[in-house]
């Protein structure tokens, strides 16, 4: 007949096994944000969104050039290279912007002043635009010259959160390898961005 000591040992062993199983499960299925999982665990994206302020005044045009780095860093969450004199290149297959705005009474317009990366192997760049996870538009650039593109943003997408997170996906991003810097993906050179009312 098992002694009380044996019962105690069996109980302790069972508890230890449960603790180890819980630790193992936590390692396999950690409780993390979808962004953390995609970037660090699944490696399904190279764009980890930074907690930027999103500080923005509706209607302002924000240059992505080096001279206005302060305003740029308020909006640029991830997927951007260091700014050059006139603007900033996208970095990877995705870029994100964040605008902190009050719930708008009417639809908005996102304005992007851009140039695509094009060469003999990349004759076009498609840009897929989403806002707060909702697909807005896919547009195509086939000319190297600067262009202004405007995208309608329905007011109900912003809702009452006060955040407008814009994602730009680049299915045609061009991988280029440079000595000492590894492989970089080029798609879009952004000169400035603006968010305005539909009648501005």
N, C-alpha and C. Protein backbone atom coordinates (compact mmCIF):
# COMPACT_ATOMS: atom_id res chain seq x y z
N UNK A 1 0.85 -1.20 0.00
CA UNK A 1 0.00 0.00 0.00
C UNK A 1 0.89 1.25 0.00
N UNK A 2 0.69 2.21 -0.96
CA UNK A 2 1.56 3.38 -1.03
C UNK A 2 1.49 4.20 0.25
N UNK A 3 2.62 4.67 0.68
CA UNK A 3 2.69 5.50 1.88
C UNK A 3 2.30 6.93 1.56
N UNK A 4 2.08 7.69 2.64
CA UNK A 4 1.78 9.12 2.43
C UNK A 4 2.95 9.81 1.76
N UNK A 5 4.17 9.38 2.06
CA UNK A 5 5.36 9.99 1.45
C UNK A 5 5.34 9.77 -0.07
N UNK A 6 4.95 8.54 -0.48
CA UNK A 6 4.89 8.26 -1.91
C UNK A 6 3.82 9.11 -2.59
N UNK A 7 2.67 9.26 -1.95
CA UNK A 7 1.63 10.12 -2.51
C UNK A 7 2.13 11.54 -2.68
N UNK A 8 2.86 12.01 -1.69
CA UNK A 8 3.40 13.38 -1.75
C UNK A 8 4.40 13.51 -2.90
N UNK A 9 5.25 12.50 -3.08
CA UNK A 9 6.25 12.53 -4.15
C UNK A 9 5.58 12.48 -5.52
N UNK A 10 4.53 11.64 -5.62
CA UNK A 10 3.82 11.57 -6.89
C UNK A 10 3.16 12.92 -7.21
N UNK A 11 2.59 13.53 -6.20
CA UNK A 11 1.95 14.83 -6.41
C UNK A 11 2.95 15.89 -6.83
N UNK A 12 4.12 15.89 -6.19
CA UNK A 12 5.16 16.85 -6.53
C UNK A 12 5.65 16.64 -7.95
N UNK A 13 5.86 15.38 -8.32
CA UNK A 13 6.32 15.07 -9.68
C UNK A 13 5.30 15.52 -10.71
N UNK A 14 4.02 15.29 -10.41
CA UNK A 14 2.97 15.72 -11.34
C UNK A 14 2.93 17.23 -11.50
N UNK A 15 3.11 17.95 -10.37
CA UNK A 15 3.11 19.41 -10.43
C UNK A 15 4.27 19.93 -11.26
N UNK A 16 5.44 19.30 -11.07
CA UNK A 16 6.62 19.72 -11.83
C UNK A 16 6.42 19.47 -13.32
N UNK A 17 5.80 18.34 -13.66
CA UNK A 17 5.53 18.04 -15.07
C UNK A 17 4.58 19.06 -15.67
N UNK A 18 3.57 19.48 -14.91
CA UNK A 18 2.63 20.48 -15.40
C UNK A 18 3.32 21.82 -15.62
N UNK A 19 4.23 22.19 -14.68
CA UNK A 19 4.96 23.45 -14.82
C UNK A 19 5.84 23.41 -16.05
N UNK A 20 6.54 22.29 -16.25
CA UNK A 20 7.41 22.16 -17.42
C UNK A 20 6.59 22.21 -18.71
N UNK A 21 5.43 21.57 -18.70
CA UNK A 21 4.57 21.60 -19.89
C UNK A 21 4.10 23.02 -20.19
N UNK A 22 3.77 23.77 -19.14
CA UNK A 22 3.33 25.16 -19.33
C UNK A 22 4.45 26.01 -19.89
N UNK A 23 5.68 25.81 -19.39
CA UNK A 23 6.83 26.58 -19.90
C UNK A 23 7.08 26.24 -21.36
N UNK A 24 6.99 24.94 -21.68
CA UNK A 24 7.21 24.50 -23.06
C UNK A 24 6.16 25.09 -23.99
N UNK A 25 4.91 25.08 -23.54
CA UNK A 25 3.83 25.64 -24.36
C UNK A 25 4.01 27.14 -24.56
N UNK A 26 4.47 27.82 -23.49
CA UNK A 26 4.69 29.27 -23.61
C UNK A 26 5.80 29.58 -24.60
N UNK A 27 6.82 28.70 -24.63
CA UNK A 27 7.91 28.90 -25.58
C UNK A 27 7.45 28.67 -27.01
N UNK A 28 6.57 27.65 -27.19
CA UNK A 28 6.08 27.36 -28.54
C UNK A 28 5.02 28.35 -29.00
N UNK A 29 4.16 28.77 -28.09
CA UNK A 29 3.04 29.64 -28.43
C UNK A 29 3.01 30.85 -27.50
N UNK A 30 4.01 31.74 -27.61
CA UNK A 30 4.07 32.87 -26.69
C UNK A 30 2.90 33.83 -26.90
N UNK A 31 2.48 34.48 -25.81
CA UNK A 31 1.42 35.47 -25.88
C UNK A 31 2.02 36.81 -26.26
N UNK A 32 2.04 37.09 -27.55
CA UNK A 32 2.66 38.32 -28.05
C UNK A 32 1.70 38.98 -29.03
N UNK A 33 2.01 40.22 -29.39
CA UNK A 33 1.18 40.93 -30.35
C UNK A 33 1.35 40.32 -31.75
N UNK A 34 0.36 40.49 -32.63
CA UNK A 34 0.50 39.97 -34.00
C UNK A 34 1.72 40.53 -34.71
N UNK A 35 2.06 41.82 -34.44
CA UNK A 35 3.22 42.43 -35.08
C UNK A 35 4.51 41.76 -34.62
N UNK A 36 4.60 41.49 -33.30
CA UNK A 36 5.79 40.83 -32.75
C UNK A 36 5.93 39.43 -33.34
N UNK A 37 4.81 38.69 -33.40
CA UNK A 37 4.87 37.34 -33.93
C UNK A 37 5.32 37.34 -35.39
N UNK A 38 4.75 38.26 -36.20
CA UNK A 38 5.09 38.29 -37.62
C UNK A 38 6.56 38.62 -37.85
N UNK A 39 7.11 39.54 -37.04
CA UNK A 39 8.48 40.00 -37.26
C UNK A 39 9.52 39.06 -36.65
N UNK A 40 9.32 38.68 -35.38
CA UNK A 40 10.35 37.93 -34.66
C UNK A 40 10.18 36.41 -34.74
N UNK A 41 8.94 35.93 -34.80
CA UNK A 41 8.72 34.48 -34.74
C UNK A 41 8.46 33.87 -36.11
N UNK A 42 7.44 34.38 -36.80
CA UNK A 42 7.11 33.82 -38.11
C UNK A 42 8.04 34.32 -39.22
N UNK A 43 8.68 35.47 -38.98
CA UNK A 43 9.54 36.11 -39.99
C UNK A 43 8.79 36.33 -41.30
N UNK A 44 7.50 36.68 -41.17
CA UNK A 44 6.68 36.91 -42.36
C UNK A 44 6.70 38.36 -42.81
N UNK A 45 7.37 39.23 -42.06
CA UNK A 45 7.50 40.63 -42.44
C UNK A 45 8.84 41.16 -41.98
N UNK A 46 9.34 42.18 -42.67
CA UNK A 46 10.58 42.83 -42.26
C UNK A 46 10.29 44.24 -41.74
N UNK A 47 9.04 44.48 -41.36
CA UNK A 47 8.61 45.82 -40.93
C UNK A 47 7.98 45.71 -39.55
N UNK A 48 8.74 46.05 -38.50
CA UNK A 48 8.20 46.00 -37.14
C UNK A 48 7.79 47.42 -36.73
N UNK A 49 6.49 47.67 -36.53
CA UNK A 49 6.02 49.04 -36.29
C UNK A 49 6.51 49.63 -34.98
N UNK A 50 7.16 50.77 -35.07
CA UNK A 50 7.65 51.48 -33.89
C UNK A 50 6.52 52.30 -33.26
N UNK A 51 6.58 52.54 -31.95
CA UNK A 51 5.53 53.32 -31.28
C UNK A 51 5.72 54.82 -31.45
N UNK A 52 5.58 55.30 -32.69
CA UNK A 52 5.77 56.72 -32.96
C UNK A 52 4.56 57.51 -32.47
N UNK A 53 4.75 58.82 -32.30
CA UNK A 53 3.68 59.65 -31.75
C UNK A 53 2.54 59.85 -32.74
N UNK A 54 2.87 59.89 -34.04
CA UNK A 54 1.85 60.18 -35.04
C UNK A 54 1.40 61.63 -35.06
N UNK A 55 2.12 62.49 -34.32
CA UNK A 55 1.72 63.90 -34.21
C UNK A 55 1.59 64.52 -35.60
N UNK A 56 0.42 65.11 -35.86
CA UNK A 56 0.17 65.61 -37.21
C UNK A 56 -0.98 66.61 -37.18
N UNK A 57 -0.83 67.67 -37.99
CA UNK A 57 -1.90 68.64 -38.17
C UNK A 57 -2.50 68.45 -39.55
N UNK A 58 -3.81 68.17 -39.58
CA UNK A 58 -4.48 67.86 -40.83
C UNK A 58 -4.21 68.93 -41.88
N UNK A 59 -3.82 68.49 -43.07
CA UNK A 59 -3.54 69.39 -44.17
C UNK A 59 -2.08 69.71 -44.38
N UNK A 60 -1.22 69.44 -43.38
CA UNK A 60 0.21 69.73 -43.53
C UNK A 60 0.87 68.73 -44.48
N UNK A 61 1.78 69.25 -45.29
CA UNK A 61 2.63 68.38 -46.11
C UNK A 61 3.93 68.14 -45.35
N UNK A 62 4.24 66.89 -45.09
CA UNK A 62 5.44 66.53 -44.33
C UNK A 62 6.48 65.99 -45.30
N UNK A 63 7.58 66.72 -45.41
CA UNK A 63 8.68 66.27 -46.26
C UNK A 63 9.35 65.05 -45.64
N UNK A 64 9.75 64.12 -46.49
CA UNK A 64 10.52 62.96 -46.02
C UNK A 64 12.01 63.14 -46.29
N UNK A 65 12.41 64.38 -46.57
CA UNK A 65 13.82 64.69 -46.75
C UNK A 65 14.51 64.93 -45.42
N UNK A 66 15.83 64.99 -45.47
CA UNK A 66 16.64 65.09 -44.25
C UNK A 66 16.38 66.37 -43.48
N UNK A 67 16.00 67.45 -44.16
CA UNK A 67 15.84 68.74 -43.49
C UNK A 67 14.67 68.75 -42.51
N UNK A 68 13.69 67.86 -42.70
CA UNK A 68 12.52 67.86 -41.79
C UNK A 68 12.43 66.52 -41.05
N UNK A 69 13.56 66.02 -40.63
CA UNK A 69 13.60 64.71 -39.99
C UNK A 69 12.71 64.65 -38.76
N UNK A 70 12.57 65.74 -38.02
CA UNK A 70 11.76 65.72 -36.81
C UNK A 70 10.33 65.34 -37.06
N UNK A 71 9.69 65.97 -38.08
CA UNK A 71 8.30 65.66 -38.38
C UNK A 71 8.16 64.28 -39.01
N UNK A 72 9.14 63.89 -39.79
CA UNK A 72 9.11 62.58 -40.45
C UNK A 72 9.08 61.45 -39.43
N UNK A 73 9.91 61.55 -38.41
CA UNK A 73 9.99 60.44 -37.44
C UNK A 73 8.72 60.33 -36.61
N UNK A 74 7.90 61.38 -36.56
CA UNK A 74 6.62 61.28 -35.86
C UNK A 74 5.66 60.35 -36.59
N UNK A 75 5.85 60.20 -37.91
CA UNK A 75 4.90 59.45 -38.74
C UNK A 75 5.44 58.09 -39.19
N UNK A 76 6.75 57.96 -39.38
CA UNK A 76 7.33 56.77 -40.00
C UNK A 76 7.49 55.64 -38.99
N UNK A 77 6.62 54.63 -39.08
CA UNK A 77 6.63 53.53 -38.11
C UNK A 77 7.68 52.47 -38.45
N UNK A 78 7.78 52.10 -39.71
CA UNK A 78 8.78 51.10 -40.11
C UNK A 78 8.84 51.04 -41.62
N UNK A 79 9.92 50.40 -42.11
CA UNK A 79 10.06 50.19 -43.54
C UNK A 79 10.58 51.39 -44.30
N UNK A 80 11.42 52.21 -43.62
CA UNK A 80 11.99 53.40 -44.27
C UNK A 80 13.49 53.44 -44.05
N UNK A 81 14.22 53.82 -45.09
CA UNK A 81 15.66 54.04 -44.97
C UNK A 81 15.91 55.45 -44.44
N UNK A 82 17.16 55.71 -44.04
CA UNK A 82 17.52 57.05 -43.57
C UNK A 82 17.24 58.07 -44.67
N UNK A 83 16.76 59.25 -44.30
CA UNK A 83 16.38 60.23 -45.32
C UNK A 83 17.58 60.77 -46.10
N UNK A 84 17.32 61.06 -47.36
CA UNK A 84 18.27 61.77 -48.21
C UNK A 84 17.81 63.22 -48.30
N UNK A 85 18.47 64.00 -49.12
CA UNK A 85 18.15 65.43 -49.18
C UNK A 85 16.70 65.68 -49.58
N UNK A 86 16.20 64.94 -50.57
CA UNK A 86 14.86 65.21 -51.12
C UNK A 86 13.77 64.31 -50.55
N UNK A 87 14.15 63.18 -49.96
CA UNK A 87 13.13 62.25 -49.49
C UNK A 87 13.73 60.98 -48.92
N UNK A 88 12.91 59.94 -48.81
CA UNK A 88 13.35 58.69 -48.20
C UNK A 88 12.91 57.50 -49.06
N UNK A 89 13.81 56.53 -49.18
CA UNK A 89 13.45 55.28 -49.84
C UNK A 89 12.71 54.37 -48.87
N UNK A 90 11.77 53.62 -49.42
CA UNK A 90 11.20 52.51 -48.66
C UNK A 90 12.28 51.47 -48.46
N UNK A 91 12.11 50.64 -47.43
CA UNK A 91 13.12 49.63 -47.10
C UNK A 91 12.40 48.31 -46.83
N UNK A 92 12.44 47.38 -47.77
CA UNK A 92 11.76 46.11 -47.60
C UNK A 92 10.51 46.02 -48.46
N UNK A 93 9.63 45.09 -48.10
CA UNK A 93 8.41 44.86 -48.87
C UNK A 93 7.20 45.60 -48.31
N UNK A 94 7.42 46.40 -47.26
CA UNK A 94 6.30 47.10 -46.62
C UNK A 94 6.82 48.31 -45.88
N UNK A 95 6.02 49.38 -45.88
CA UNK A 95 6.28 50.56 -45.06
C UNK A 95 5.00 50.93 -44.33
N UNK A 96 5.16 51.59 -43.18
CA UNK A 96 3.99 52.00 -42.41
C UNK A 96 4.11 53.45 -41.97
N UNK A 97 2.96 54.13 -41.93
CA UNK A 97 2.84 55.50 -41.43
C UNK A 97 1.75 55.52 -40.36
N UNK A 98 1.90 56.41 -39.39
CA UNK A 98 0.85 56.58 -38.38
C UNK A 98 0.51 58.05 -38.25
N UNK A 99 -0.79 58.34 -38.30
CA UNK A 99 -1.30 59.69 -38.09
C UNK A 99 -2.19 59.68 -36.84
N UNK A 100 -1.93 60.59 -35.92
CA UNK A 100 -2.80 60.77 -34.75
C UNK A 100 -3.75 61.91 -35.07
N UNK A 101 -5.02 61.59 -35.28
CA UNK A 101 -6.00 62.61 -35.69
C UNK A 101 -7.32 62.39 -34.96
N UNK A 102 -8.06 63.45 -34.83
CA UNK A 102 -9.40 63.33 -34.26
C UNK A 102 -10.32 62.67 -35.27
N UNK A 103 -11.37 61.99 -34.82
CA UNK A 103 -12.31 61.37 -35.76
C UNK A 103 -12.83 62.41 -36.76
N UNK A 104 -12.60 62.21 -38.05
CA UNK A 104 -12.98 63.23 -39.03
C UNK A 104 -14.48 63.23 -39.31
N UNK A 105 -15.05 64.39 -39.58
CA UNK A 105 -16.49 64.46 -39.88
C UNK A 105 -16.81 64.01 -41.30
N UNK A 106 -15.79 63.94 -42.13
CA UNK A 106 -15.99 63.54 -43.53
C UNK A 106 -14.77 62.75 -44.00
N UNK A 107 -14.86 62.21 -45.20
CA UNK A 107 -13.76 61.41 -45.74
C UNK A 107 -12.49 62.26 -45.88
N UNK A 108 -11.36 61.57 -45.87
CA UNK A 108 -10.06 62.21 -46.00
C UNK A 108 -9.39 61.78 -47.31
N UNK A 109 -8.30 62.46 -47.63
CA UNK A 109 -7.49 62.09 -48.78
C UNK A 109 -6.03 61.98 -48.33
N UNK A 110 -5.43 60.84 -48.62
CA UNK A 110 -3.99 60.66 -48.38
C UNK A 110 -3.26 61.02 -49.67
N UNK A 111 -2.34 61.98 -49.57
CA UNK A 111 -1.58 62.42 -50.74
C UNK A 111 -0.12 61.99 -50.60
N UNK A 112 0.39 61.28 -51.59
CA UNK A 112 1.77 60.81 -51.60
C UNK A 112 2.50 61.39 -52.80
N UNK A 113 3.62 62.08 -52.56
CA UNK A 113 4.49 62.54 -53.64
C UNK A 113 5.64 61.54 -53.72
N UNK A 114 5.72 60.81 -54.84
CA UNK A 114 6.60 59.64 -54.88
C UNK A 114 7.31 59.50 -56.23
N UNK A 115 8.36 58.68 -56.22
CA UNK A 115 9.03 58.19 -57.41
C UNK A 115 9.28 56.70 -57.21
N UNK A 116 9.03 55.87 -58.23
CA UNK A 116 9.26 54.43 -58.07
C UNK A 116 10.70 54.06 -58.42
N UNK A 117 11.13 52.91 -57.91
CA UNK A 117 12.39 52.32 -58.38
C UNK A 117 12.05 51.45 -59.59
N UNK A 118 12.61 51.80 -60.75
CA UNK A 118 12.39 51.06 -61.99
C UNK A 118 13.72 50.76 -62.66
N UNK A 119 13.82 49.59 -63.27
CA UNK A 119 14.96 49.25 -64.10
C UNK A 119 14.50 48.23 -65.14
N UNK A 120 15.45 47.66 -65.89
CA UNK A 120 15.07 46.74 -66.97
C UNK A 120 14.33 45.51 -66.44
N UNK A 121 14.66 45.09 -65.22
CA UNK A 121 14.01 43.91 -64.64
C UNK A 121 12.78 44.27 -63.82
N UNK A 122 12.61 45.55 -63.55
CA UNK A 122 11.46 46.00 -62.76
C UNK A 122 10.79 47.16 -63.50
N UNK A 123 9.94 46.85 -64.49
CA UNK A 123 9.34 47.91 -65.30
C UNK A 123 8.16 48.62 -64.64
N UNK A 124 7.72 48.12 -63.49
CA UNK A 124 6.59 48.75 -62.80
C UNK A 124 6.74 48.51 -61.30
N UNK A 125 6.07 49.36 -60.52
CA UNK A 125 5.93 49.17 -59.08
C UNK A 125 4.45 49.30 -58.73
N UNK A 126 3.91 48.22 -58.16
CA UNK A 126 2.55 48.29 -57.64
C UNK A 126 2.60 48.63 -56.16
N UNK A 127 1.73 49.52 -55.75
CA UNK A 127 1.67 49.96 -54.36
C UNK A 127 0.29 49.62 -53.82
N UNK A 128 0.25 48.73 -52.83
CA UNK A 128 -1.02 48.33 -52.21
C UNK A 128 -1.18 49.12 -50.91
N UNK A 129 -2.27 49.85 -50.81
CA UNK A 129 -2.48 50.76 -49.68
C UNK A 129 -3.62 50.25 -48.81
N UNK A 130 -3.35 50.14 -47.50
CA UNK A 130 -4.40 49.81 -46.54
C UNK A 130 -4.41 50.86 -45.44
N UNK A 131 -5.56 51.03 -44.80
CA UNK A 131 -5.71 51.96 -43.68
C UNK A 131 -6.39 51.22 -42.54
N UNK A 132 -5.72 51.16 -41.39
CA UNK A 132 -6.23 50.43 -40.23
C UNK A 132 -6.67 49.02 -40.62
N UNK A 133 -5.89 48.40 -41.50
CA UNK A 133 -6.16 47.03 -41.92
C UNK A 133 -7.15 46.87 -43.05
N UNK A 134 -7.77 47.96 -43.49
CA UNK A 134 -8.76 47.90 -44.57
C UNK A 134 -8.11 48.27 -45.90
N UNK A 135 -8.18 47.40 -46.92
CA UNK A 135 -7.61 47.74 -48.22
C UNK A 135 -8.29 48.97 -48.82
N UNK A 136 -7.48 49.89 -49.32
CA UNK A 136 -8.02 51.10 -49.94
C UNK A 136 -7.88 51.08 -51.45
N UNK A 137 -6.66 50.84 -51.91
CA UNK A 137 -6.40 50.98 -53.35
C UNK A 137 -5.06 50.35 -53.67
N UNK A 138 -4.94 49.86 -54.90
CA UNK A 138 -3.65 49.46 -55.46
C UNK A 138 -3.41 50.31 -56.69
N UNK A 139 -2.29 51.03 -56.70
CA UNK A 139 -1.97 51.81 -57.89
C UNK A 139 -0.62 51.38 -58.43
N UNK A 140 -0.38 51.72 -59.68
CA UNK A 140 0.81 51.25 -60.40
C UNK A 140 1.60 52.44 -60.93
N UNK A 141 2.92 52.38 -60.76
CA UNK A 141 3.82 53.42 -61.25
C UNK A 141 4.74 52.82 -62.31
N UNK A 142 4.78 53.47 -63.48
CA UNK A 142 5.60 52.95 -64.59
C UNK A 142 6.54 54.02 -65.14
N UNK A 143 6.51 55.21 -64.56
CA UNK A 143 7.39 56.30 -64.98
C UNK A 143 8.31 56.69 -63.83
N UNK A 144 9.56 57.00 -64.14
CA UNK A 144 10.53 57.34 -63.09
C UNK A 144 10.35 58.75 -62.54
N UNK A 145 9.65 59.60 -63.26
CA UNK A 145 9.49 60.98 -62.83
C UNK A 145 8.60 61.06 -61.59
N UNK A 146 8.78 62.13 -60.76
CA UNK A 146 7.94 62.28 -59.57
C UNK A 146 6.46 62.39 -59.94
N UNK A 147 5.63 61.84 -59.07
CA UNK A 147 4.19 61.87 -59.31
C UNK A 147 3.47 62.07 -57.97
N UNK A 148 2.30 62.69 -58.04
CA UNK A 148 1.45 62.85 -56.86
C UNK A 148 0.27 61.91 -56.99
N UNK A 149 0.08 61.08 -55.95
CA UNK A 149 -1.04 60.14 -55.99
C UNK A 149 -1.92 60.39 -54.77
N UNK A 150 -3.23 60.46 -55.01
CA UNK A 150 -4.20 60.73 -53.95
C UNK A 150 -5.12 59.53 -53.77
N UNK A 151 -5.31 59.15 -52.51
CA UNK A 151 -6.11 57.98 -52.17
C UNK A 151 -7.20 58.39 -51.19
N UNK A 152 -8.43 58.05 -51.48
CA UNK A 152 -9.55 58.38 -50.60
C UNK A 152 -9.53 57.48 -49.37
N UNK A 153 -9.75 58.09 -48.19
CA UNK A 153 -9.78 57.36 -46.92
C UNK A 153 -11.15 57.61 -46.28
N UNK A 154 -12.04 56.63 -46.30
CA UNK A 154 -13.37 56.83 -45.69
C UNK A 154 -13.26 57.17 -44.20
N UNK A 155 -14.08 58.10 -43.76
CA UNK A 155 -13.98 58.58 -42.38
C UNK A 155 -14.24 57.49 -41.36
N UNK A 156 -15.10 56.50 -41.70
CA UNK A 156 -15.42 55.47 -40.71
C UNK A 156 -14.25 54.53 -40.44
N UNK A 157 -13.23 54.55 -41.29
CA UNK A 157 -12.05 53.72 -41.04
C UNK A 157 -11.28 54.23 -39.82
N UNK A 158 -11.24 55.55 -39.65
CA UNK A 158 -10.56 56.13 -38.49
C UNK A 158 -11.34 55.81 -37.23
N UNK A 159 -12.67 55.90 -37.31
CA UNK A 159 -13.50 55.61 -36.15
C UNK A 159 -13.20 56.56 -35.00
N UNK A 160 -13.22 56.04 -33.78
CA UNK A 160 -12.99 56.87 -32.59
C UNK A 160 -11.65 56.57 -31.94
N UNK A 161 -10.80 55.79 -32.61
CA UNK A 161 -9.52 55.41 -32.00
C UNK A 161 -8.53 56.57 -31.95
N UNK A 162 -8.65 57.50 -32.89
CA UNK A 162 -7.68 58.59 -32.97
C UNK A 162 -6.43 58.22 -33.74
N UNK A 163 -6.36 56.98 -34.27
CA UNK A 163 -5.19 56.55 -35.03
C UNK A 163 -5.59 56.23 -36.46
N UNK A 164 -4.74 56.62 -37.39
CA UNK A 164 -4.86 56.16 -38.77
C UNK A 164 -3.52 55.56 -39.15
N UNK A 165 -3.48 54.23 -39.24
CA UNK A 165 -2.26 53.51 -39.60
C UNK A 165 -2.33 53.14 -41.08
N UNK A 166 -1.42 53.70 -41.85
CA UNK A 166 -1.35 53.46 -43.29
C UNK A 166 -0.23 52.45 -43.56
N UNK A 167 -0.57 51.41 -44.31
CA UNK A 167 0.43 50.42 -44.72
C UNK A 167 0.57 50.46 -46.24
N UNK A 168 1.81 50.51 -46.70
CA UNK A 168 2.12 50.46 -48.13
C UNK A 168 2.86 49.15 -48.39
N UNK A 169 2.25 48.27 -49.16
CA UNK A 169 2.88 47.01 -49.52
C UNK A 169 3.46 47.10 -50.93
N UNK A 170 4.62 46.47 -51.11
CA UNK A 170 5.35 46.57 -52.38
C UNK A 170 5.60 45.18 -52.96
N UNK A 171 4.65 44.61 -53.70
CA UNK A 171 4.86 43.28 -54.25
C UNK A 171 5.97 43.20 -55.29
N UNK A 172 6.37 44.36 -55.85
CA UNK A 172 7.42 44.36 -56.89
C UNK A 172 8.74 44.93 -56.38
N UNK A 173 8.92 45.01 -55.06
CA UNK A 173 10.17 45.57 -54.52
C UNK A 173 11.38 44.83 -55.12
N UNK A 174 12.39 45.60 -55.48
CA UNK A 174 13.56 45.06 -56.19
C UNK A 174 14.70 44.81 -55.22
N UNK A 175 15.15 43.54 -55.09
CA UNK A 175 16.30 43.26 -54.22
C UNK A 175 17.61 43.63 -54.90
N UNK A 176 18.40 44.44 -54.21
CA UNK A 176 19.71 44.82 -54.71
C UNK A 176 20.74 44.56 -53.63
N UNK A 177 21.87 44.00 -54.01
CA UNK A 177 22.93 43.68 -53.05
C UNK A 177 24.11 44.62 -53.25
N UNK A 178 24.53 45.25 -52.15
CA UNK A 178 25.67 46.15 -52.18
C UNK A 178 26.72 45.66 -51.19
N UNK A 179 27.98 45.85 -51.54
CA UNK A 179 29.07 45.39 -50.68
C UNK A 179 28.97 46.04 -49.30
N UNK A 180 28.99 45.21 -48.27
CA UNK A 180 29.00 45.72 -46.90
C UNK A 180 27.64 46.03 -46.32
N UNK A 181 26.59 46.02 -47.14
CA UNK A 181 25.27 46.38 -46.61
C UNK A 181 24.22 45.30 -46.84
N UNK A 182 24.60 44.18 -47.45
CA UNK A 182 23.66 43.09 -47.67
C UNK A 182 22.63 43.44 -48.73
N UNK A 183 21.51 42.75 -48.71
CA UNK A 183 20.46 42.94 -49.70
C UNK A 183 19.43 43.94 -49.20
N UNK A 184 19.15 44.92 -50.04
CA UNK A 184 18.11 45.91 -49.75
C UNK A 184 17.02 45.80 -50.81
N UNK A 185 15.77 46.04 -50.39
CA UNK A 185 14.64 45.98 -51.32
C UNK A 185 14.17 47.41 -51.60
N UNK A 186 14.22 47.78 -52.88
CA UNK A 186 13.84 49.12 -53.30
C UNK A 186 12.50 49.08 -54.02
N UNK A 187 11.63 50.02 -53.67
CA UNK A 187 10.34 50.13 -54.34
C UNK A 187 9.94 51.58 -54.57
N UNK A 188 9.97 52.39 -53.50
CA UNK A 188 9.37 53.72 -53.57
C UNK A 188 10.25 54.76 -52.89
N UNK A 189 10.43 55.88 -53.57
CA UNK A 189 11.09 57.05 -53.00
C UNK A 189 10.01 58.07 -52.69
N UNK A 190 9.85 58.40 -51.41
CA UNK A 190 8.77 59.31 -50.98
C UNK A 190 9.35 60.70 -50.72
N UNK A 191 8.80 61.68 -51.41
CA UNK A 191 9.24 63.06 -51.21
C UNK A 191 8.47 63.72 -50.06
N UNK A 192 7.15 63.57 -50.04
CA UNK A 192 6.36 64.10 -48.93
C UNK A 192 5.02 63.40 -48.88
N UNK A 193 4.37 63.54 -47.73
CA UNK A 193 3.04 62.96 -47.52
C UNK A 193 2.14 64.01 -46.90
N UNK A 194 0.84 63.87 -47.12
CA UNK A 194 -0.13 64.79 -46.52
C UNK A 194 -1.45 64.05 -46.35
N UNK A 195 -2.21 64.48 -45.36
CA UNK A 195 -3.54 63.96 -45.11
C UNK A 195 -4.46 65.16 -45.02
N UNK A 196 -5.48 65.18 -45.83
CA UNK A 196 -6.32 66.38 -45.91
C UNK A 196 -7.78 66.02 -46.10
N UNK A 197 -8.63 67.02 -45.90
CA UNK A 197 -10.03 66.83 -46.15
C UNK A 197 -10.27 66.63 -47.64
N UNK A 198 -11.35 65.96 -47.99
CA UNK A 198 -11.61 65.63 -49.38
C UNK A 198 -11.84 66.85 -50.24
N UNK A 199 -12.16 68.03 -49.63
CA UNK A 199 -12.44 69.23 -50.42
C UNK A 199 -11.29 70.23 -50.35
N UNK A 200 -10.15 69.86 -49.67
CA UNK A 200 -9.03 70.80 -49.56
C UNK A 200 -8.36 71.01 -50.92
